[in-house]
Amino acid sequence: NSMESKIPDGSYVLCREQPDVENGEIAAVLVNGDEEATLKRVIKQNDTILLQALNEAYAPYIVDSQNPARIIGKAVQVETAL
């Protein structure tokens, strides 16, 4: 539910495979040693990249050498589950 209200839990998200996105776009991102995929808004601030949930209950994930992440695609369409 980290992406509620724009992407309700259980929704299907179509992603276009690409290694980077523009600032503020929502992307599919691999984290935790490429073992977990997540959807987050990518915020680029100078040399810092933040992965921001839309639900304010979640803190941003700061991408650095201790917390690596890899963008695998841009979210282009959301279909809510029935």
PDB file of N, CA and C in Angstrom:
ATOM      1  N   ASN A   1       0.810  -1.207   0.000  1.00  0.00           N
ATOM      2  CA  ASN A   1       0.000   0.000   0.000  1.00  0.00           C
ATOM      3  C   ASN A   1       0.850   1.267   0.000  1.00  0.00           C
ATOM      4  N   SER A   2       2.124   1.135  -0.287  1.00  0.00           N
ATOM      5  CA  SER A   2       2.994   2.319  -0.271  1.00  0.00           C
ATOM      6  C   SER A   2       2.679   3.301  -1.396  1.00  0.00           C
ATOM      7  N   MET A   3       1.970   2.859  -2.414  1.00  0.00           N
ATOM      8  CA  MET A   3       1.668   3.742  -3.543  1.00  0.00           C
ATOM      9  C   MET A   3       0.193   4.145  -3.582  1.00  0.00           C
ATOM     10  N   GLU A   4      -0.555   3.846  -2.495  1.00  0.00           N
ATOM     11  CA  GLU A   4      -1.951   4.298  -2.411  1.00  0.00           C
ATOM     12  C   GLU A   4      -1.946   5.811  -2.495  1.00  0.00           C
ATOM     13  N   SER A   5      -2.712   6.461  -3.046  1.00  0.00           N
ATOM     14  CA  SER A   5      -3.998   6.314  -3.671  1.00  0.00           C
ATOM     15  C   SER A   5      -3.913   6.226  -5.187  1.00  0.00           C
ATOM     16  N   LYS A   6      -2.794   6.551  -5.752  1.00  0.00           N
ATOM     17  CA  LYS A   6      -2.657   6.507  -7.216  1.00  0.00           C
ATOM     18  C   LYS A   6      -2.639   5.071  -7.732  1.00  0.00           C
ATOM     19  N   ILE A   7      -1.983   4.165  -6.994  1.00  0.00           N
ATOM     20  CA  ILE A   7      -1.899   2.765  -7.402  1.00  0.00           C
ATOM     21  C   ILE A   7      -2.409   1.912  -6.239  1.00  0.00           C
ATOM     22  N   PRO A   8      -3.697   1.567  -6.243  1.00  0.00           N
ATOM     23  CA  PRO A   8      -4.249   0.767  -5.143  1.00  0.00           C
ATOM     24  C   PRO A   8      -3.598  -0.609  -5.050  1.00  0.00           C
ATOM     25  N   ASP A   9      -3.503  -1.133  -3.844  1.00  0.00           N
ATOM     26  CA  ASP A   9      -2.944  -2.458  -3.605  1.00  0.00           C
ATOM     27  C   ASP A   9      -3.677  -3.486  -4.466  1.00  0.00           C
ATOM     28  N   GLY A  10      -2.937  -4.361  -5.118  1.00  0.00           N
ATOM     29  CA  GLY A  10      -3.525  -5.385  -5.974  1.00  0.00           C
ATOM     30  C   GLY A  10      -3.672  -4.970  -7.423  1.00  0.00           C
ATOM     31  N   SER A  11      -3.314  -3.737  -7.761  1.00  0.00           N
ATOM     32  CA  SER A  11      -3.426  -3.261  -9.140  1.00  0.00           C
ATOM     33  C   SER A  11      -2.355  -3.901 -10.014  1.00  0.00           C
ATOM     34  N   TYR A  12      -2.608  -3.876 -11.311  1.00  0.00           N
ATOM     35  CA  TYR A  12      -1.629  -4.311 -12.291  1.00  0.00           C
ATOM     36  C   TYR A  12      -0.999  -3.065 -12.904  1.00  0.00           C
ATOM     37  N   VAL A  13       0.332  -3.079 -13.021  1.00  0.00           N
ATOM     38  CA  VAL A  13       1.035  -1.923 -13.564  1.00  0.00           C
ATOM     39  C   VAL A  13       1.862  -2.376 -14.767  1.00  0.00           C
ATOM     40  N   LEU A  14       1.612  -1.735 -15.891  1.00  0.00           N
ATOM     41  CA  LEU A  14       2.377  -2.000 -17.102  1.00  0.00           C
ATOM     42  C   LEU A  14       3.598  -1.093 -17.085  1.00  0.00           C
ATOM     43  N   CYS A  15       4.786  -1.703 -17.217  1.00  0.00           N
ATOM     44  CA  CYS A  15       6.037  -0.937 -17.200  1.00  0.00           C
ATOM     45  C   CYS A  15       6.767  -1.119 -18.523  1.00  0.00           C
ATOM     46  N   ARG A  16       7.340  -0.025 -19.021  1.00  0.00           N
ATOM     47  CA  ARG A  16       8.200  -0.076 -20.202  1.00  0.00           C
ATOM     48  C   ARG A  16       9.631  -0.245 -19.705  1.00  0.00           C
ATOM     49  N   GLU A  17      10.299  -1.287 -20.194  1.00  0.00           N
ATOM     50  CA  GLU A  17      11.668  -1.546 -19.764  1.00  0.00           C
ATOM     51  C   GLU A  17      12.576  -0.418 -20.221  1.00  0.00           C
ATOM     52  N   GLN A  18      13.257   0.203 -19.237  1.00  0.00           N
ATOM     53  CA  GLN A  18      14.234   1.253 -19.522  1.00  0.00           C
ATOM     54  C   GLN A  18      15.066   1.460 -18.256  1.00  0.00           C
ATOM     55  N   PRO A  19      16.341   1.811 -18.416  1.00  0.00           N
ATOM     56  CA  PRO A  19      17.255   1.880 -17.270  1.00  0.00           C
ATOM     57  C   PRO A  19      17.204   3.173 -16.463  1.00  0.00           C
ATOM     58  N   ASP A  20      16.415   4.155 -16.898  1.00  0.00           N
ATOM     59  CA  ASP A  20      16.346   5.427 -16.188  1.00  0.00           C
ATOM     60  C   ASP A  20      14.991   6.073 -16.469  1.00  0.00           C
ATOM     61  N   VAL A  21      14.591   6.989 -15.614  1.00  0.00           N
ATOM     62  CA  VAL A  21      13.353   7.747 -15.795  1.00  0.00           C
ATOM     63  C   VAL A  21      13.634   9.210 -15.481  1.00  0.00           C
ATOM     64  N   GLU A  22      12.717  10.072 -15.871  1.00  0.00           N
ATOM     65  CA  GLU A  22      12.832  11.488 -15.562  1.00  0.00           C
ATOM     66  C   GLU A  22      12.487  11.723 -14.090  1.00  0.00           C
ATOM     67  N   ASN A  23      12.981  12.809 -13.550  1.00  0.00           N
ATOM     68  CA  ASN A  23      12.693  13.184 -12.178  1.00  0.00           C
ATOM     69  C   ASN A  23      11.180  13.257 -11.956  1.00  0.00           C
ATOM     70  N   GLY A  24      10.696  12.595 -10.906  1.00  0.00           N
ATOM     71  CA  GLY A  24       9.282  12.633 -10.557  1.00  0.00           C
ATOM     72  C   GLY A  24       8.446  11.520 -11.151  1.00  0.00           C
ATOM     73  N   GLU A  25       9.000  10.727 -12.060  1.00  0.00           N
ATOM     74  CA  GLU A  25       8.233   9.635 -12.661  1.00  0.00           C
ATOM     75  C   GLU A  25       8.228   8.413 -11.750  1.00  0.00           C
ATOM     76  N   ILE A  26       7.221   7.567 -11.939  1.00  0.00           N
ATOM     77  CA  ILE A  26       7.116   6.331 -11.162  1.00  0.00           C
ATOM     78  C   ILE A  26       7.806   5.220 -11.931  1.00  0.00           C
ATOM     79  N   ALA A  27       8.639   4.454 -11.205  1.00  0.00           N
ATOM     80  CA  ALA A  27       9.432   3.411 -11.847  1.00  0.00           C
ATOM     81  C   ALA A  27       9.370   2.112 -11.062  1.00  0.00           C
ATOM     82  N   ALA A  28       9.593   1.015 -11.786  1.00  0.00           N
ATOM     83  CA  ALA A  28       9.836  -0.282 -11.162  1.00  0.00           C
ATOM     84  C   ALA A  28      11.328  -0.301 -10.850  1.00  0.00           C
ATOM     85  N   VAL A  29      11.659  -0.607  -9.601  1.00  0.00           N
ATOM     86  CA  VAL A  29      13.040  -0.515  -9.144  1.00  0.00           C
ATOM     87  C   VAL A  29      13.415  -1.777  -8.375  1.00  0.00           C
ATOM     88  N   LEU A  30      14.603  -2.304  -8.660  1.00  0.00           N
ATOM     89  CA  LEU A  30      15.123  -3.434  -7.896  1.00  0.00           C
ATOM     90  C   LEU A  30      15.909  -2.901  -6.710  1.00  0.00           C
ATOM     91  N   VAL A  31      15.622  -3.441  -5.522  1.00  0.00           N
ATOM     92  CA  VAL A  31      16.319  -3.061  -4.292  1.00  0.00           C
ATOM     93  C   VAL A  31      16.724  -4.323  -3.538  1.00  0.00           C
ATOM     94  N   ASN A  32      17.397  -4.148  -2.420  1.00  0.00           N
ATOM     95  CA  ASN A  32      17.841  -5.273  -1.581  1.00  0.00           C
ATOM     96  C   ASN A  32      18.652  -6.293  -2.368  1.00  0.00           C
ATOM     97  N   GLY A  33      19.697  -5.795  -3.023  1.00  0.00           N
ATOM     98  CA  GLY A  33      20.574  -6.690  -3.776  1.00  0.00           C
ATOM     99  C   GLY A  33      19.904  -7.304  -4.985  1.00  0.00           C
ATOM    100  N   ASP A  34      19.043  -6.568  -5.634  1.00  0.00           N
ATOM    101  CA  ASP A  34      18.287  -7.029  -6.809  1.00  0.00           C
ATOM    102  C   ASP A  34      17.354  -8.191  -6.488  1.00  0.00           C
ATOM    103  N   GLU A  35      16.965  -8.347  -5.222  1.00  0.00           N
ATOM    104  CA  GLU A  35      16.096  -9.449  -4.827  1.00  0.00           C
ATOM    105  C   GLU A  35      14.641  -9.043  -4.659  1.00  0.00           C
ATOM    106  N   GLU A  36      14.360  -7.749  -4.643  1.00  0.00           N
ATOM    107  CA  GLU A  36      13.001  -7.275  -4.434  1.00  0.00           C
ATOM    108  C   GLU A  36      12.701  -6.153  -5.419  1.00  0.00           C
ATOM    109  N   ALA A  37      11.522  -6.224  -6.042  1.00  0.00           N
ATOM    110  CA  ALA A  37      11.093  -5.162  -6.950  1.00  0.00           C
ATOM    111  C   ALA A  37      10.020  -4.330  -6.254  1.00  0.00           C
ATOM    112  N   THR A  38      10.051  -3.028  -6.509  1.00  0.00           N
ATOM    113  CA  THR A  38       9.083  -2.119  -5.914  1.00  0.00           C
ATOM    114  C   THR A  38       8.742  -1.023  -6.918  1.00  0.00           C
ATOM    115  N   LEU A  39       7.597  -0.408  -6.734  1.00  0.00           N
ATOM    116  CA  LEU A  39       7.224   0.768  -7.515  1.00  0.00           C
ATOM    117  C   LEU A  39       7.386   1.984  -6.627  1.00  0.00           C
ATOM    118  N   LYS A  40       8.080   2.992  -7.108  1.00  0.00           N
ATOM    119  CA  LYS A  40       8.276   4.220  -6.334  1.00  0.00           C
ATOM    120  C   LYS A  40       8.439   5.395  -7.284  1.00  0.00           C
ATOM    121  N   ARG A  41       8.133   6.596  -6.783  1.00  0.00           N
ATOM    122  CA  ARG A  41       8.419   7.826  -7.521  1.00  0.00           C
ATOM    123  C   ARG A  41       9.918   8.100  -7.356  1.00  0.00           C
ATOM    124  N   VAL A  42      10.595   8.369  -8.456  1.00  0.00           N
ATOM    125  CA  VAL A  42      12.039   8.626  -8.439  1.00  0.00           C
ATOM    126  C   VAL A  42      12.255  10.131  -8.346  1.00  0.00           C
ATOM    127  N   ILE A  43      12.922  10.552  -7.277  1.00  0.00           N
ATOM    128  CA  ILE A  43      13.229  11.960  -7.050  1.00  0.00           C
ATOM    129  C   ILE A  43      14.747  12.127  -7.146  1.00  0.00           C
ATOM    130  N   LYS A  44      15.174  12.994  -8.052  1.00  0.00           N
ATOM    131  CA  LYS A  44      16.606  13.248  -8.246  1.00  0.00           C
ATOM    132  C   LYS A  44      16.919  14.645  -7.730  1.00  0.00           C
ATOM    133  N   GLN A  45      17.814  14.707  -6.739  1.00  0.00           N
ATOM    134  CA  GLN A  45      18.227  15.983  -6.152  1.00  0.00           C
ATOM    135  C   GLN A  45      19.748  16.046  -6.185  1.00  0.00           C
ATOM    136  N   ASN A  46      20.280  16.767  -7.161  1.00  0.00           N
ATOM    137  CA  ASN A  46      21.733  16.851  -7.362  1.00  0.00           C
ATOM    138  C   ASN A  46      22.297  15.448  -7.512  1.00  0.00           C
ATOM    139  N   ASP A  47      23.178  15.014  -6.608  1.00  0.00           N
ATOM    140  CA  ASP A  47      23.784  13.685  -6.705  1.00  0.00           C
ATOM    141  C   ASP A  47      23.022  12.630  -5.920  1.00  0.00           C
ATOM    142  N   THR A  48      21.868  12.984  -5.360  1.00  0.00           N
ATOM    143  CA  THR A  48      21.100  12.060  -4.531  1.00  0.00           C
ATOM    144  C   THR A  48      19.853  11.595  -5.270  1.00  0.00           C
ATOM    145  N   ILE A  49      19.551  10.308  -5.133  1.00  0.00           N
ATOM    146  CA  ILE A  49      18.314   9.753  -5.682  1.00  0.00           C
ATOM    147  C   ILE A  49      17.492   9.207  -4.533  1.00  0.00           C
ATOM    148  N   LEU A  50      16.225   9.617  -4.474  1.00  0.00           N
ATOM    149  CA  LEU A  50      15.290   9.134  -3.469  1.00  0.00           C
ATOM    150  C   LEU A  50      14.203   8.332  -4.166  1.00  0.00           C
ATOM    151  N   LEU A  51      13.794   7.243  -3.553  1.00  0.00           N
ATOM    152  CA  LEU A  51      12.640   6.481  -4.009  1.00  0.00           C
ATOM    153  C   LEU A  51      11.528   6.796  -3.033  1.00  0.00           C
ATOM    154  N   GLN A  52      10.516   7.512  -3.508  1.00  0.00           N
ATOM    155  CA  GLN A  52       9.477   8.050  -2.640  1.00  0.00           C
ATOM    156  C   GLN A  52       8.156   7.308  -2.837  1.00  0.00           C
ATOM    157  N   ALA A  53       7.600   6.811  -1.739  1.00  0.00           N
ATOM    158  CA  ALA A  53       6.251   6.244  -1.768  1.00  0.00           C
ATOM    159  C   ALA A  53       5.252   7.388  -1.886  1.00  0.00           C
ATOM    160  N   LEU A  54       4.076   7.102  -2.425  1.00  0.00           N
ATOM    161  CA  LEU A  54       3.027   8.125  -2.484  1.00  0.00           C
ATOM    162  C   LEU A  54       2.272   8.200  -1.168  1.00  0.00           C
ATOM    163  N   ASN A  55       2.275   7.122  -0.412  1.00  0.00           N
ATOM    164  CA  ASN A  55       1.657   7.070   0.907  1.00  0.00           C
ATOM    165  C   ASN A  55       2.635   7.703   1.897  1.00  0.00           C
ATOM    166  N   GLU A  56       2.225   8.785   2.535  1.00  0.00           N
ATOM    167  CA  GLU A  56       3.118   9.540   3.417  1.00  0.00           C
ATOM    168  C   GLU A  56       3.534   8.775   4.673  1.00  0.00           C
ATOM    169  N   ALA A  57       2.932   7.611   4.915  1.00  0.00           N
ATOM    170  CA  ALA A  57       3.308   6.796   6.070  1.00  0.00           C
ATOM    171  C   ALA A  57       4.670   6.121   5.869  1.00  0.00           C
ATOM    172  N   TYR A  58       5.193   6.162   4.652  1.00  0.00           N
ATOM    173  CA  TYR A  58       6.456   5.507   4.333  1.00  0.00           C
ATOM    174  C   TYR A  58       7.562   6.538   4.123  1.00  0.00           C
ATOM    175  N   ALA A  59       8.697   6.295   4.731  1.00  0.00           N
ATOM    176  CA  ALA A  59       9.865   7.167   4.562  1.00  0.00           C
ATOM    177  C   ALA A  59      10.496   6.907   3.195  1.00  0.00           C
ATOM    178  N   PRO A  60      11.164   7.907   2.622  1.00  0.00           N
ATOM    179  CA  PRO A  60      11.843   7.680   1.341  1.00  0.00           C
ATOM    180  C   PRO A  60      13.026   6.733   1.508  1.00  0.00           C
ATOM    181  N   TYR A  61      13.332   6.019   0.448  1.00  0.00           N
ATOM    182  CA  TYR A  61      14.485   5.127   0.378  1.00  0.00           C
ATOM    183  C   TYR A  61      15.583   5.929  -0.299  1.00  0.00           C
ATOM    184  N   ILE A  62      16.657   6.158   0.405  1.00  0.00           N
ATOM    185  CA  ILE A  62      17.778   6.927  -0.144  1.00  0.00           C
ATOM    186  C   ILE A  62      18.739   5.962  -0.822  1.00  0.00           C
ATOM    187  N   VAL A  63      18.953   6.158  -2.108  1.00  0.00           N
ATOM    188  CA  VAL A  63      19.846   5.291  -2.871  1.00  0.00           C
ATOM    189  C   VAL A  63      21.283   5.745  -2.649  1.00  0.00           C
ATOM    190  N   ASP A  64      22.117   4.826  -2.161  1.00  0.00           N
ATOM    191  CA  ASP A  64      23.547   5.087  -1.981  1.00  0.00           C
ATOM    192  C   ASP A  64      24.279   3.747  -2.005  1.00  0.00           C
ATOM    193  N   SER A  65      25.559   3.767  -1.675  1.00  0.00           N
ATOM    194  CA  SER A  65      26.337   2.525  -1.744  1.00  0.00           C
ATOM    195  C   SER A  65      25.847   1.483  -0.737  1.00  0.00           C
ATOM    196  N   GLN A  66      25.274   1.928   0.363  1.00  0.00           N
ATOM    197  CA  GLN A  66      24.734   0.998   1.367  1.00  0.00           C
ATOM    198  C   GLN A  66      23.332   0.503   1.007  1.00  0.00           C
ATOM    199  N   ASN A  67      22.615   1.274   0.220  1.00  0.00           N
ATOM    200  CA  ASN A  67      21.252   0.955  -0.213  1.00  0.00           C
ATOM    201  C   ASN A  67      21.155   1.104  -1.729  1.00  0.00           C
ATOM    202  N   PRO A  68      21.773   0.189  -2.475  1.00  0.00           N
ATOM    203  CA  PRO A  68      21.756   0.323  -3.932  1.00  0.00           C
ATOM    204  C   PRO A  68      20.357   0.035  -4.499  1.00  0.00           C
ATOM    205  N   ALA A  69      20.107   0.554  -5.668  1.00  0.00           N
ATOM    206  CA  ALA A  69      18.851   0.313  -6.374  1.00  0.00           C
ATOM    207  C   ALA A  69      19.127   0.414  -7.868  1.00  0.00           C
ATOM    208  N   ARG A  70      18.273  -0.266  -8.645  1.00  0.00           N
ATOM    209  CA  ARG A  70      18.441  -0.245 -10.099  1.00  0.00           C
ATOM    210  C   ARG A  70      17.071  -0.114 -10.749  1.00  0.00           C
ATOM    211  N   ILE A  71      16.894   0.944 -11.527  1.00  0.00           N
ATOM    212  CA  ILE A  71      15.636   1.150 -12.247  1.00  0.00           C
ATOM    213  C   ILE A  71      15.557   0.130 -13.375  1.00  0.00           C
ATOM    214  N   ILE A  72      14.391  -0.536 -13.468  1.00  0.00           N
ATOM    215  CA  ILE A  72      14.219  -1.521 -14.541  1.00  0.00           C
ATOM    216  C   ILE A  72      13.121  -1.125 -15.518  1.00  0.00           C
ATOM    217  N   GLY A  73      12.307  -0.127 -15.161  1.00  0.00           N
ATOM    218  CA  GLY A  73      11.275   0.286 -16.096  1.00  0.00           C
ATOM    219  C   GLY A  73      10.442   1.442 -15.584  1.00  0.00           C
ATOM    220  N   LYS A  74       9.757   2.080 -16.506  1.00  0.00           N
ATOM    221  CA  LYS A  74       8.877   3.211 -16.203  1.00  0.00           C
ATOM    222  C   LYS A  74       7.428   2.724 -16.190  1.00  0.00           C
ATOM    223  N   ALA A  75       6.691   3.085 -15.141  1.00  0.00           N
ATOM    224  CA  ALA A  75       5.272   2.750 -15.069  1.00  0.00           C
ATOM    225  C   ALA A  75       4.525   3.586 -16.097  1.00  0.00           C
ATOM    226  N   VAL A  76       3.795   2.927 -16.993  1.00  0.00           N
ATOM    227  CA  VAL A  76       3.100   3.652 -18.060  1.00  0.00           C
ATOM    228  C   VAL A  76       1.587   3.492 -18.008  1.00  0.00           C
ATOM    229  N   GLN A  77       1.098   2.472 -17.282  1.00  0.00           N
ATOM    230  CA  GLN A  77      -0.352   2.265 -17.211  1.00  0.00           C
ATOM    231  C   GLN A  77      -0.695   1.489 -15.949  1.00  0.00           C
ATOM    232  N   VAL A  78      -1.799   1.856 -15.309  1.00  0.00           N
ATOM    233  CA  VAL A  78      -2.275   1.175 -14.102  1.00  0.00           C
ATOM    234  C   VAL A  78      -3.681   0.660 -14.353  1.00  0.00           C
ATOM    235  N   GLU A  79      -3.888  -0.612 -14.048  1.00  0.00           N
ATOM    236  CA  GLU A  79      -5.214  -1.210 -14.110  1.00  0.00           C
ATOM    237  C   GLU A  79      -5.583  -1.684 -12.717  1.00  0.00           C
ATOM    238  N   THR A  80      -6.669  -1.146 -12.180  1.00  0.00           N
ATOM    239  CA  THR A  80      -7.061  -1.539 -10.831  1.00  0.00           C
ATOM    240  C   THR A  80      -7.686  -2.916 -10.859  1.00  0.00           C
ATOM    241  N   ALA A  81      -7.314  -3.706  -9.859  1.00  0.00           N
ATOM    242  CA  ALA A  81      -7.868  -5.062  -9.741  1.00  0.00           C
ATOM    243  C   ALA A  81      -9.339  -4.963  -9.356  1.00  0.00           C
ATOM    244  N   LEU A  82     -10.104  -5.943  -9.754  1.00  0.00           N
ATOM    245  CA  LEU A  82     -11.540  -5.966  -9.428  1.00  0.00           C
ATOM    246  C   LEU A  82     -11.774  -6.483  -8.035  1.00  0.00           C
TER     247      LEU A  82
END
